[in-house]
Amino acid sequence: MEAILSHASVSITELKRNPSAVIEAADGESVAILVHKKPNAYLVPAETYQRLM
């Protein structure tokens, strides 16, 4: 099983259903997006992404 490098995670289905709620619940933290219980992507706040760039 792959490590999830985030305190929060949601399924891709949940993200599709209500993306605004996922972003709001993240409270400025990253969220792992899971597909078949494995991390497929990470949703990061815009400020964090900008710092990385």
N, C-alpha and C. Protein backbone atom coordinates (compact mmCIF):
# COMPACT_ATOMS: atom_id res chain seq x y z
N MET A 1 0.84 -1.19 0.00
CA MET A 1 0.00 0.00 0.00
C MET A 1 0.88 1.25 0.00
N GLU A 2 0.55 2.20 -0.83
CA GLU A 2 1.31 3.43 -0.92
C GLU A 2 1.02 4.35 0.26
N ALA A 3 2.04 5.07 0.68
CA ALA A 3 1.86 6.03 1.77
C ALA A 3 1.04 7.22 1.28
N ILE A 4 0.18 7.71 2.14
CA ILE A 4 -0.60 8.90 1.84
C ILE A 4 0.09 10.07 2.53
N LEU A 5 0.60 10.99 1.75
CA LEU A 5 1.42 12.09 2.28
C LEU A 5 0.59 13.33 2.58
N SER A 6 -0.51 13.12 3.28
CA SER A 6 -1.42 14.20 3.62
C SER A 6 -2.23 13.77 4.83
N HIS A 7 -2.66 14.74 5.63
CA HIS A 7 -3.49 14.41 6.79
C HIS A 7 -4.92 14.10 6.37
N ALA A 8 -5.34 14.60 5.22
CA ALA A 8 -6.71 14.39 4.76
C ALA A 8 -6.69 13.66 3.42
N SER A 9 -7.72 12.87 3.19
CA SER A 9 -7.86 12.20 1.91
C SER A 9 -9.34 12.03 1.58
N VAL A 10 -9.64 12.02 0.28
CA VAL A 10 -10.99 11.79 -0.21
C VAL A 10 -10.92 10.95 -1.47
N SER A 11 -12.00 10.27 -1.76
CA SER A 11 -12.07 9.52 -3.01
C SER A 11 -12.33 10.48 -4.16
N ILE A 12 -11.98 10.05 -5.34
CA ILE A 12 -12.23 10.87 -6.52
C ILE A 12 -13.74 11.09 -6.69
N THR A 13 -14.53 10.10 -6.30
CA THR A 13 -15.99 10.22 -6.38
C THR A 13 -16.49 11.33 -5.48
N GLU A 14 -15.97 11.38 -4.25
CA GLU A 14 -16.37 12.43 -3.32
C GLU A 14 -15.94 13.81 -3.82
N LEU A 15 -14.75 13.89 -4.40
CA LEU A 15 -14.28 15.16 -4.95
C LEU A 15 -15.19 15.63 -6.08
N LYS A 16 -15.58 14.72 -6.96
CA LYS A 16 -16.48 15.07 -8.07
C LYS A 16 -17.84 15.52 -7.58
N ARG A 17 -18.31 14.87 -6.51
CA ARG A 17 -19.64 15.16 -5.97
C ARG A 17 -19.73 16.56 -5.39
N ASN A 18 -18.69 16.98 -4.66
CA ASN A 18 -18.76 18.28 -4.00
C ASN A 18 -17.36 18.87 -3.79
N PRO A 19 -16.73 19.35 -4.86
CA PRO A 19 -15.37 19.86 -4.74
C PRO A 19 -15.24 21.04 -3.78
N SER A 20 -16.23 21.90 -3.73
CA SER A 20 -16.16 23.05 -2.83
C SER A 20 -16.10 22.62 -1.37
N ALA A 21 -16.86 21.60 -1.02
CA ALA A 21 -16.86 21.10 0.36
C ALA A 21 -15.51 20.49 0.72
N VAL A 22 -14.88 19.80 -0.22
CA VAL A 22 -13.56 19.20 0.03
C VAL A 22 -12.54 20.31 0.28
N ILE A 23 -12.56 21.34 -0.55
CA ILE A 23 -11.61 22.45 -0.39
C ILE A 23 -11.84 23.16 0.93
N GLU A 24 -13.09 23.41 1.26
CA GLU A 24 -13.41 24.10 2.51
C GLU A 24 -12.99 23.26 3.73
N ALA A 25 -13.25 21.97 3.69
CA ALA A 25 -12.91 21.09 4.80
C ALA A 25 -11.40 20.94 4.97
N ALA A 26 -10.65 21.14 3.90
CA ALA A 26 -9.19 21.02 3.97
C ALA A 26 -8.57 22.10 4.82
N ASP A 27 -9.24 23.23 4.95
CA ASP A 27 -8.79 24.32 5.81
C ASP A 27 -7.34 24.72 5.53
N GLY A 28 -7.03 24.87 4.25
CA GLY A 28 -5.69 25.34 3.86
C GLY A 28 -4.62 24.27 3.82
N GLU A 29 -4.98 23.04 4.00
CA GLU A 29 -4.02 21.93 3.96
C GLU A 29 -4.18 21.15 2.66
N SER A 30 -3.21 20.30 2.36
CA SER A 30 -3.32 19.47 1.16
C SER A 30 -4.27 18.30 1.42
N VAL A 31 -4.82 17.78 0.33
CA VAL A 31 -5.74 16.64 0.40
C VAL A 31 -5.30 15.60 -0.63
N ALA A 32 -5.16 14.37 -0.20
CA ALA A 32 -4.84 13.29 -1.12
C ALA A 32 -6.13 12.85 -1.82
N ILE A 33 -6.07 12.72 -3.13
CA ILE A 33 -7.20 12.24 -3.91
C ILE A 33 -6.95 10.77 -4.21
N LEU A 34 -7.85 9.91 -3.76
CA LEU A 34 -7.66 8.47 -3.87
C LEU A 34 -8.49 7.86 -4.99
N VAL A 35 -7.87 6.93 -5.68
CA VAL A 35 -8.54 6.11 -6.68
C VAL A 35 -8.25 4.67 -6.28
N HIS A 36 -9.30 3.92 -6.01
CA HIS A 36 -9.16 2.54 -5.53
C HIS A 36 -8.26 2.48 -4.29
N LYS A 37 -8.47 3.43 -3.38
CA LYS A 37 -7.79 3.52 -2.09
C LYS A 37 -6.29 3.79 -2.18
N LYS A 38 -5.83 4.25 -3.34
CA LYS A 38 -4.43 4.62 -3.53
C LYS A 38 -4.35 6.08 -3.94
N PRO A 39 -3.35 6.81 -3.45
CA PRO A 39 -3.22 8.22 -3.84
C PRO A 39 -2.94 8.35 -5.33
N ASN A 40 -3.75 9.17 -5.98
CA ASN A 40 -3.61 9.39 -7.42
C ASN A 40 -3.16 10.82 -7.71
N ALA A 41 -3.51 11.73 -6.80
CA ALA A 41 -3.16 13.14 -6.95
C ALA A 41 -3.26 13.81 -5.58
N TYR A 42 -2.71 15.01 -5.52
CA TYR A 42 -2.83 15.82 -4.31
C TYR A 42 -3.40 17.17 -4.69
N LEU A 43 -4.36 17.60 -3.92
CA LEU A 43 -4.97 18.91 -4.09
C LEU A 43 -4.29 19.82 -3.07
N VAL A 44 -3.59 20.85 -3.56
CA VAL A 44 -2.89 21.75 -2.65
C VAL A 44 -3.44 23.15 -2.79
N PRO A 45 -3.41 23.93 -1.71
CA PRO A 45 -3.87 25.31 -1.79
C PRO A 45 -3.03 26.11 -2.80
N ALA A 46 -3.65 27.10 -3.41
CA ALA A 46 -2.97 27.93 -4.41
C ALA A 46 -1.71 28.56 -3.84
N GLU A 47 -1.76 29.03 -2.61
CA GLU A 47 -0.59 29.66 -1.98
C GLU A 47 0.58 28.68 -1.89
N THR A 48 0.30 27.46 -1.53
CA THR A 48 1.34 26.43 -1.44
C THR A 48 1.94 26.16 -2.81
N TYR A 49 1.09 26.03 -3.80
CA TYR A 49 1.56 25.78 -5.17
C TYR A 49 2.44 26.92 -5.66
N GLN A 50 2.02 28.14 -5.39
CA GLN A 50 2.79 29.31 -5.82
C GLN A 50 4.18 29.33 -5.18
N ARG A 51 4.26 28.95 -3.90
CA ARG A 51 5.57 28.88 -3.23
C ARG A 51 6.45 27.84 -3.87
N LEU A 52 5.85 26.71 -4.25
CA LEU A 52 6.62 25.64 -4.88
C LEU A 52 7.18 26.04 -6.24
N MET A 53 6.44 26.89 -6.93
CA MET A 53 6.88 27.32 -8.25
C MET A 53 7.96 28.37 -8.11
